Amino acid sequence: MRDAPLRPRRGGHLVVPALSALMIALLAAGWLLAGRLVDGVPPLVVAAGRTAASFVVITVIALLYPRSRSDVRAATARGGSVALLAFLGFFAYYSGTLLGTGFIGASRVGLIVSLLPCITFVIGVAAFREPSTLRKVLGTVLAVVAACGYALADGSAVGGAGSRAGGGALVGGGLLALGGTFTYAVYGYVYRRRMADLTPVAALPAVTGAGTVMLGLTVALFVPLGGVSLADWGGIAILGAVLTAPVFLISHELILRKGPLFTSALALVVPFLVRLGEWALGREAAPRPLVLLLLLLCGVGVWLTIGGARPAGRAAVEAAPNERHTGKGPEVHTQQGTS
């Protein structure tokens, strides 16, 4: 299949900066709202409601365009692929990252999700024989070490979820978030192999719909809903419809205009904004210089990992489905993490 060139820039020179700023703001706001919600609402309820709201918005947008309707039907007909993608990219990703947020806080989970390009690189080398370079290896090691150091250095901050938890909860929450980010990285490869011939806006209704069913059944069977207030449901709806669904669409537009490297690099700003936002909201103590340094080093490591000389067209095709959530959202499927 011939690589497609990046989409020519349309609408003036301010379109890309405006979309970039909007995506960063939506991602950071999504993590902050998710962190507040999981303080009082079971994380799986937040995951299910967020996915359901995103499904409704994306489906409506897809059906507004007659040319995409046949692709929506084609994606829906691929039942096995849809189920696998829904499990990897929504059920496992959102469950892991939101459960992790309840233990260690949004900023720490956001930083773990920002490791998505590094994890994707490791999976690609180990399982899919993707090419490797010394720069990518060093970048991955630096990012992972800095992220672990950040979690430990910032673990004693007062006022946040992570500070209220002990060392075991810190490790457990980190593993949950890391596991969700891992499944999201696998999701990217599966999507590329099974849905690359369809546009994301056509494939996402089926995948998000299946994810909603999986998460909804889990909540109905195992999670009590009696303590969820009307205000909580409103916050969940806003998280999915206003903050998560638009990120899917914006990130894919930026991938088409500027490529996946540019889009992934934007997400490196998100953990900084989330950490500062938690401080401003009184959820965490002010970040110490060491904490900010480790955040910066993690960002540098991810930058080294996502840098490279891949052809832009091929990279755009490979990265089109990819979060911190980057959740892993995350939430759009870009090599960050998404939402």
Protein backbone atom coordinates (compact mmCIF):
# COMPACT_ATOMS: atom_id res chain seq x y z
CA MET A 1 0.00 0.00 0.00
CA ARG A 2 1.42 3.36 -1.02
CA ASP A 3 2.13 5.81 1.76
CA ALA A 4 -0.21 8.78 1.78
CA PRO A 5 1.28 12.27 2.05
CA LEU A 6 0.34 14.58 4.87
CA ARG A 7 -2.76 16.64 4.24
CA PRO A 8 -1.99 20.13 2.90
CA ARG A 9 -2.62 22.87 5.43
CA ARG A 10 -5.97 24.55 4.92
CA GLY A 11 -7.66 27.39 6.70
CA GLY A 12 -4.65 29.61 7.35
CA HIS A 13 -1.49 29.43 9.41
CA LEU A 14 -3.32 29.65 12.74
CA VAL A 15 -5.30 26.42 12.32
CA VAL A 16 -2.58 24.05 13.52
CA PRO A 17 -1.55 26.21 16.54
CA ALA A 18 -5.20 26.63 17.50
CA LEU A 19 -5.94 22.90 17.23
CA SER A 20 -2.74 22.08 19.14
CA ALA A 21 -3.57 24.42 22.01
CA LEU A 22 -7.14 23.12 22.14
CA MET A 23 -6.02 19.49 22.24
CA ILE A 24 -3.54 20.13 25.06
CA ALA A 25 -6.15 22.03 27.05
CA LEU A 26 -8.77 19.30 26.58
CA LEU A 27 -6.35 16.55 27.56
CA ALA A 28 -5.23 18.33 30.72
CA ALA A 29 -8.79 19.25 31.68
CA GLY A 30 -9.87 15.65 31.08
CA TRP A 31 -7.25 14.26 33.44
CA LEU A 32 -8.10 16.84 36.11
CA LEU A 33 -11.82 16.11 35.88
CA ALA A 34 -11.22 12.36 35.88
CA GLY A 35 -9.06 12.74 38.98
CA ARG A 36 -11.85 14.60 40.77
CA LEU A 37 -14.53 12.15 39.69
CA VAL A 38 -12.75 8.99 40.84
CA ASP A 39 -12.41 10.48 44.32
CA GLY A 40 -16.13 9.89 44.85
CA VAL A 41 -17.29 7.65 41.99
CA PRO A 42 -16.16 4.06 41.27
CA PRO A 43 -13.53 4.30 38.50
CA LEU A 44 -15.28 1.69 36.37
CA VAL A 45 -18.44 3.82 36.39
CA VAL A 46 -16.39 6.78 35.16
CA ALA A 47 -14.81 4.57 32.48
CA ALA A 48 -18.17 3.24 31.28
CA GLY A 49 -19.90 6.61 31.27
CA ARG A 50 -16.99 8.34 29.59
CA THR A 51 -16.86 5.73 26.82
CA ALA A 52 -20.63 5.81 26.33
CA ALA A 53 -20.69 9.60 25.97
CA SER A 54 -17.78 9.48 23.51
CA PHE A 55 -19.57 6.77 21.53
CA VAL A 56 -22.70 8.89 21.17
CA VAL A 57 -20.83 12.00 20.02
CA ILE A 58 -18.52 10.19 17.58
CA THR A 59 -21.37 8.14 16.13
CA VAL A 60 -23.47 11.24 15.51
CA ILE A 61 -20.53 12.95 13.79
CA ALA A 62 -19.83 9.87 11.64
CA LEU A 63 -23.45 9.54 10.55
CA LEU A 64 -23.67 13.21 9.59
CA TYR A 65 -21.41 12.46 6.62
CA PRO A 66 -23.10 10.18 4.06
CA ARG A 67 -19.74 9.04 2.64
CA SER A 68 -18.68 7.60 6.01
CA ARG A 69 -21.82 5.54 6.58
CA SER A 70 -20.71 2.63 4.41
CA ASP A 71 -17.37 2.55 6.25
CA VAL A 72 -19.21 2.55 9.59
CA ARG A 73 -21.16 -0.51 8.45
CA ALA A 74 -17.97 -2.17 7.20
CA ALA A 75 -16.26 -1.64 10.57
CA THR A 76 -19.28 -2.94 12.47
CA ALA A 77 -19.24 -6.13 10.39
CA ARG A 78 -15.73 -6.99 11.64
CA GLY A 79 -17.00 -8.37 14.93
CA GLY A 80 -13.86 -10.13 16.14
CA SER A 81 -11.59 -7.18 15.41
CA VAL A 82 -14.03 -4.73 16.97
CA ALA A 83 -14.28 -6.80 20.16
CA LEU A 84 -10.50 -7.13 20.47
CA LEU A 85 -9.91 -3.43 19.88
CA ALA A 86 -12.66 -2.48 22.32
CA PHE A 87 -11.11 -4.66 25.01
CA LEU A 88 -7.57 -3.38 24.48
CA GLY A 89 -8.24 0.31 23.81
CA PHE A 90 -11.22 1.00 26.05
CA PHE A 91 -12.04 -1.70 28.58
CA ALA A 92 -8.48 -2.48 29.68
CA TYR A 93 -7.02 0.99 29.05
CA TYR A 94 -9.70 3.01 30.81
CA SER A 95 -10.10 0.48 33.62
CA GLY A 96 -6.37 0.46 34.33
CA THR A 97 -5.76 4.18 34.09
CA LEU A 98 -8.85 5.29 36.01
CA LEU A 99 -8.39 2.68 38.74
CA GLY A 100 -4.78 3.83 38.92
CA THR A 101 -5.91 7.45 39.18
CA GLY A 102 -7.93 6.54 42.25
CA PHE A 103 -4.75 5.27 43.91
CA ILE A 104 -1.98 7.60 42.80
CA GLY A 105 -3.63 10.70 41.32
CA ALA A 106 -4.12 12.08 37.83
CA SER A 107 -0.68 13.65 37.36
CA ARG A 108 1.19 10.42 38.05
CA VAL A 109 -1.11 8.39 35.82
CA GLY A 110 -0.82 11.05 33.14
CA LEU A 111 2.94 10.74 33.24
CA ILE A 112 2.74 6.96 32.92
CA VAL A 113 0.40 7.31 29.94
CA SER A 114 2.88 9.72 28.36
CA LEU A 115 5.25 6.73 28.20
CA LEU A 116 3.00 5.22 25.52
CA PRO A 117 5.44 5.88 22.63
CA CYS A 118 8.23 4.22 24.64
CA ILE A 119 6.09 1.19 25.44
CA THR A 120 4.93 1.01 21.82
CA PHE A 121 8.57 1.06 20.73
CA VAL A 122 9.47 -1.82 23.08
CA ILE A 123 6.49 -3.91 21.94
CA GLY A 124 7.28 -3.21 18.30
CA VAL A 125 10.89 -4.33 18.68
CA ALA A 126 10.06 -7.39 20.78
CA ALA A 127 6.96 -8.68 19.02
CA PHE A 128 6.71 -7.06 15.60
CA ARG A 129 10.37 -6.76 14.55
CA GLU A 130 10.24 -3.00 14.25
CA PRO A 131 13.61 -1.30 13.62
CA SER A 132 15.48 0.08 16.62
CA THR A 133 18.10 2.77 17.13
CA LEU A 134 20.40 3.67 19.99
CA ARG A 135 18.61 7.01 20.33
CA LYS A 136 15.24 5.30 20.85
CA VAL A 137 16.68 2.83 23.35
CA LEU A 138 18.33 5.58 25.39
CA GLY A 139 15.19 7.70 25.22
CA THR A 140 13.03 4.85 26.48
CA VAL A 141 15.37 4.11 29.38
CA LEU A 142 15.57 7.79 30.34
CA ALA A 143 11.79 8.25 30.21
CA VAL A 144 11.02 5.16 32.28
CA VAL A 145 13.66 5.93 34.91
CA ALA A 146 12.51 9.56 35.19
CA ALA A 147 8.85 8.51 35.47
CA CYS A 148 9.66 6.05 38.26
CA GLY A 149 11.74 8.68 40.01
CA TYR A 150 8.91 11.18 39.70
CA ALA A 151 6.40 8.78 41.25
CA LEU A 152 8.73 8.20 44.20
CA ALA A 153 9.85 11.82 44.61
CA ASP A 154 6.32 13.20 44.43
CA GLY A 155 4.76 10.39 46.46
CA SER A 156 5.08 12.35 49.68
CA ALA A 157 3.18 15.40 48.39
CA VAL A 158 0.32 16.34 50.64
CA GLY A 159 -3.26 16.65 49.56
CA GLY A 160 -3.38 14.25 46.60
CA ALA A 161 -4.58 10.75 46.09
CA GLY A 162 -1.09 9.40 45.95
CA SER A 163 -0.13 11.00 49.23
CA ARG A 164 -3.03 9.37 51.06
CA ALA A 165 -1.98 5.93 49.87
CA GLY A 166 0.85 3.89 51.22
CA GLY A 167 3.76 2.47 49.30
CA GLY A 168 1.80 -0.63 48.30
CA ALA A 169 -1.02 1.45 46.86
CA LEU A 170 1.51 3.62 45.03
CA VAL A 171 3.01 0.56 43.36
CA GLY A 172 -0.39 -1.00 42.72
CA GLY A 173 -1.80 2.15 41.17
CA GLY A 174 1.29 2.54 39.02
CA LEU A 175 1.03 -1.05 37.79
CA LEU A 176 -2.65 -0.61 36.94
CA ALA A 177 -1.88 2.51 34.91
CA LEU A 178 1.11 0.84 33.28
CA GLY A 179 -0.96 -2.21 32.39
CA GLY A 180 -3.64 -0.05 30.80
CA THR A 181 -1.02 1.87 28.84
CA PHE A 182 0.53 -1.43 27.69
CA THR A 183 -2.79 -2.69 26.31
CA TYR A 184 -3.25 0.65 24.54
CA ALA A 185 0.11 0.23 22.86
CA VAL A 186 -0.94 -3.22 21.64
CA TYR A 187 -4.20 -1.66 20.47
CA GLY A 188 -2.24 0.55 18.08
CA TYR A 189 -0.64 -2.41 16.32
CA VAL A 190 -3.91 -4.35 16.15
CA TYR A 191 -5.73 -1.33 14.75
CA ARG A 192 -3.08 -0.82 12.11
CA ARG A 193 -3.39 -4.42 10.96
CA ARG A 194 -7.18 -4.71 11.00
CA MET A 195 -8.67 -1.25 10.48
CA ALA A 196 -6.08 0.73 8.53
CA ASP A 197 -8.26 0.75 5.40
CA LEU A 198 -11.02 2.70 7.19
CA THR A 199 -11.02 6.26 8.44
CA PRO A 200 -10.85 6.58 12.25
CA VAL A 201 -14.17 8.42 12.48
CA ALA A 202 -15.79 5.46 10.67
CA ALA A 203 -14.13 2.76 12.76
CA LEU A 204 -14.47 4.41 16.17
CA PRO A 205 -18.29 4.15 16.52
CA ALA A 206 -18.14 0.34 16.43
CA VAL A 207 -15.11 0.14 18.71
CA THR A 208 -16.38 2.64 21.27
CA GLY A 209 -19.81 1.01 21.15
CA ALA A 210 -18.34 -2.40 21.95
CA GLY A 211 -16.22 -0.82 24.68
CA THR A 212 -19.33 0.74 26.17
CA VAL A 213 -21.06 -2.66 26.25
CA MET A 214 -18.06 -4.33 27.95
CA LEU A 215 -17.67 -1.64 30.58
CA GLY A 216 -21.41 -1.27 31.08
CA LEU A 217 -21.90 -5.00 31.72
CA THR A 218 -19.01 -4.99 34.19
CA VAL A 219 -20.51 -2.07 36.07
CA ALA A 220 -23.99 -3.60 36.08
CA LEU A 221 -22.68 -6.90 37.47
CA PHE A 222 -20.05 -5.78 39.95
CA VAL A 223 -20.30 -2.07 40.81
CA PRO A 224 -23.01 -0.49 43.01
CA LEU A 225 -24.48 2.70 41.59
CA GLY A 226 -26.39 3.94 44.62
CA GLY A 227 -23.79 6.49 45.65
CA VAL A 228 -23.45 8.16 42.23
CA SER A 229 -25.18 11.53 42.28
CA LEU A 230 -26.78 13.42 39.42
CA ALA A 231 -23.87 15.88 39.52
CA ASP A 232 -21.44 12.98 39.15
CA TRP A 233 -23.31 11.70 36.11
CA GLY A 234 -23.18 15.19 34.66
CA GLY A 235 -19.41 15.34 35.21
CA ILE A 236 -18.96 11.95 33.56
CA ALA A 237 -21.03 13.07 30.56
CA ILE A 238 -18.92 16.22 30.23
CA LEU A 239 -15.73 14.17 30.48
CA GLY A 240 -16.79 11.89 27.63
CA ALA A 241 -18.71 14.19 25.32
CA VAL A 242 -16.94 17.54 25.79
CA LEU A 243 -13.37 16.57 26.70
CA THR A 244 -12.72 13.06 25.34
CA ALA A 245 -14.59 12.77 22.03
CA PRO A 246 -13.21 16.03 20.56
CA VAL A 247 -9.66 14.93 21.36
CA PHE A 248 -10.14 11.86 19.15
CA LEU A 249 -11.10 14.07 16.23
CA ILE A 250 -8.54 16.82 16.80
CA SER A 251 -5.60 14.46 17.21
CA HIS A 252 -6.41 12.61 14.00
CA GLU A 253 -6.69 15.92 12.15
CA LEU A 254 -3.27 16.96 13.47
CA ILE A 255 -1.79 13.60 12.46
CA LEU A 256 -3.05 14.20 8.92
CA ARG A 257 -1.76 17.79 8.86
CA LYS A 258 1.55 17.53 10.73
CA GLY A 259 2.28 13.84 11.34
CA PRO A 260 2.38 11.66 14.46
CA LEU A 261 5.69 13.00 15.80
CA PHE A 262 4.29 16.51 16.10
CA THR A 263 1.03 15.25 17.62
CA SER A 264 2.79 13.01 20.14
CA ALA A 265 5.15 15.80 21.12
CA LEU A 266 2.22 18.04 22.07
CA ALA A 267 1.13 15.53 24.71
CA LEU A 268 4.43 15.91 26.57
CA VAL A 269 3.10 19.22 27.90
CA VAL A 270 0.07 17.57 29.50
CA PRO A 271 1.67 16.03 32.64
CA PHE A 272 3.15 19.44 33.53
CA LEU A 273 -0.23 21.14 33.20
CA VAL A 274 -2.01 18.41 35.17
CA ARG A 275 0.54 18.61 38.00
CA LEU A 276 0.27 22.40 38.14
CA GLY A 277 -3.51 22.17 37.88
CA GLU A 278 -3.70 19.79 40.85
CA TRP A 279 -1.60 22.23 42.85
CA ALA A 280 -3.82 25.16 41.83
CA LEU A 281 -6.93 23.19 42.83
CA GLY A 282 -5.42 22.26 46.19
CA ARG A 283 -5.23 18.55 45.40
CA GLU A 284 -1.44 18.37 45.57
CA ALA A 285 1.36 20.34 47.18
CA ALA A 286 3.44 22.71 45.08
CA PRO A 287 5.84 20.75 42.86
CA ARG A 288 9.42 20.80 44.10
CA PRO A 289 12.33 21.54 41.74
CA LEU A 290 13.30 17.85 41.70
CA VAL A 291 9.77 16.90 40.66
CA LEU A 292 9.78 19.41 37.80
CA LEU A 293 13.23 18.20 36.72
CA LEU A 294 12.06 14.59 36.59
CA LEU A 295 8.99 15.60 34.59
CA LEU A 296 11.27 17.40 32.16
CA LEU A 297 13.63 14.42 31.88
CA CYS A 298 10.71 12.11 31.19
CA GLY A 299 9.54 14.43 28.43
CA VAL A 300 13.03 14.50 26.92
CA GLY A 301 13.14 10.69 27.00
CA VAL A 302 9.80 10.37 25.22
CA TRP A 303 10.92 12.96 22.67
CA LEU A 304 14.04 10.94 21.92
CA THR A 305 11.95 7.81 21.53
CA ILE A 306 9.37 9.25 19.16
CA GLY A 307 12.01 11.04 17.10
CA GLY A 308 13.42 9.29 14.08
CA ALA A 309 13.61 9.20 10.34
CA ARG A 310 10.45 7.24 9.48
CA PRO A 311 8.71 8.48 6.36
CA ALA A 312 5.95 10.84 7.36
CA GLY A 313 3.28 9.03 5.38
CA ARG A 314 4.09 5.64 6.80
CA ALA A 315 4.30 7.05 10.32
CA ALA A 316 0.93 8.70 9.96
CA VAL A 317 -0.66 5.42 8.91
CA GLU A 318 1.00 3.56 11.77
CA ALA A 319 0.09 6.10 14.42
CA ALA A 320 -3.41 7.00 13.30
CA PRO A 321 -5.16 4.91 15.96
CA ASN A 322 -2.95 5.85 18.88
CA GLU A 323 -3.30 8.38 24.10
CA ARG A 324 -2.49 9.70 27.91
CA HIS A 325 -4.92 9.16 28.13
CA THR A 326 -2.74 9.85 26.91
CA GLY A 327 -5.35 7.29 28.67
CA LYS A 328 -5.19 5.46 27.45
CA GLY A 329 -6.27 7.71 26.92
CA PRO A 330 -6.24 9.34 25.69
CA GLU A 331 -8.14 10.60 25.79
CA VAL A 332 -7.61 10.47 21.52
CA HIS A 333 -5.68 7.66 20.15
CA THR A 334 -2.38 9.34 19.66
CA GLN A 335 1.06 8.24 20.69
CA GLN A 336 0.90 9.98 24.01
CA GLY A 337 -1.67 9.23 26.01
CA THR A 338 -3.59 10.36 25.60
CA SER A 339 -7.04 11.25 27.26
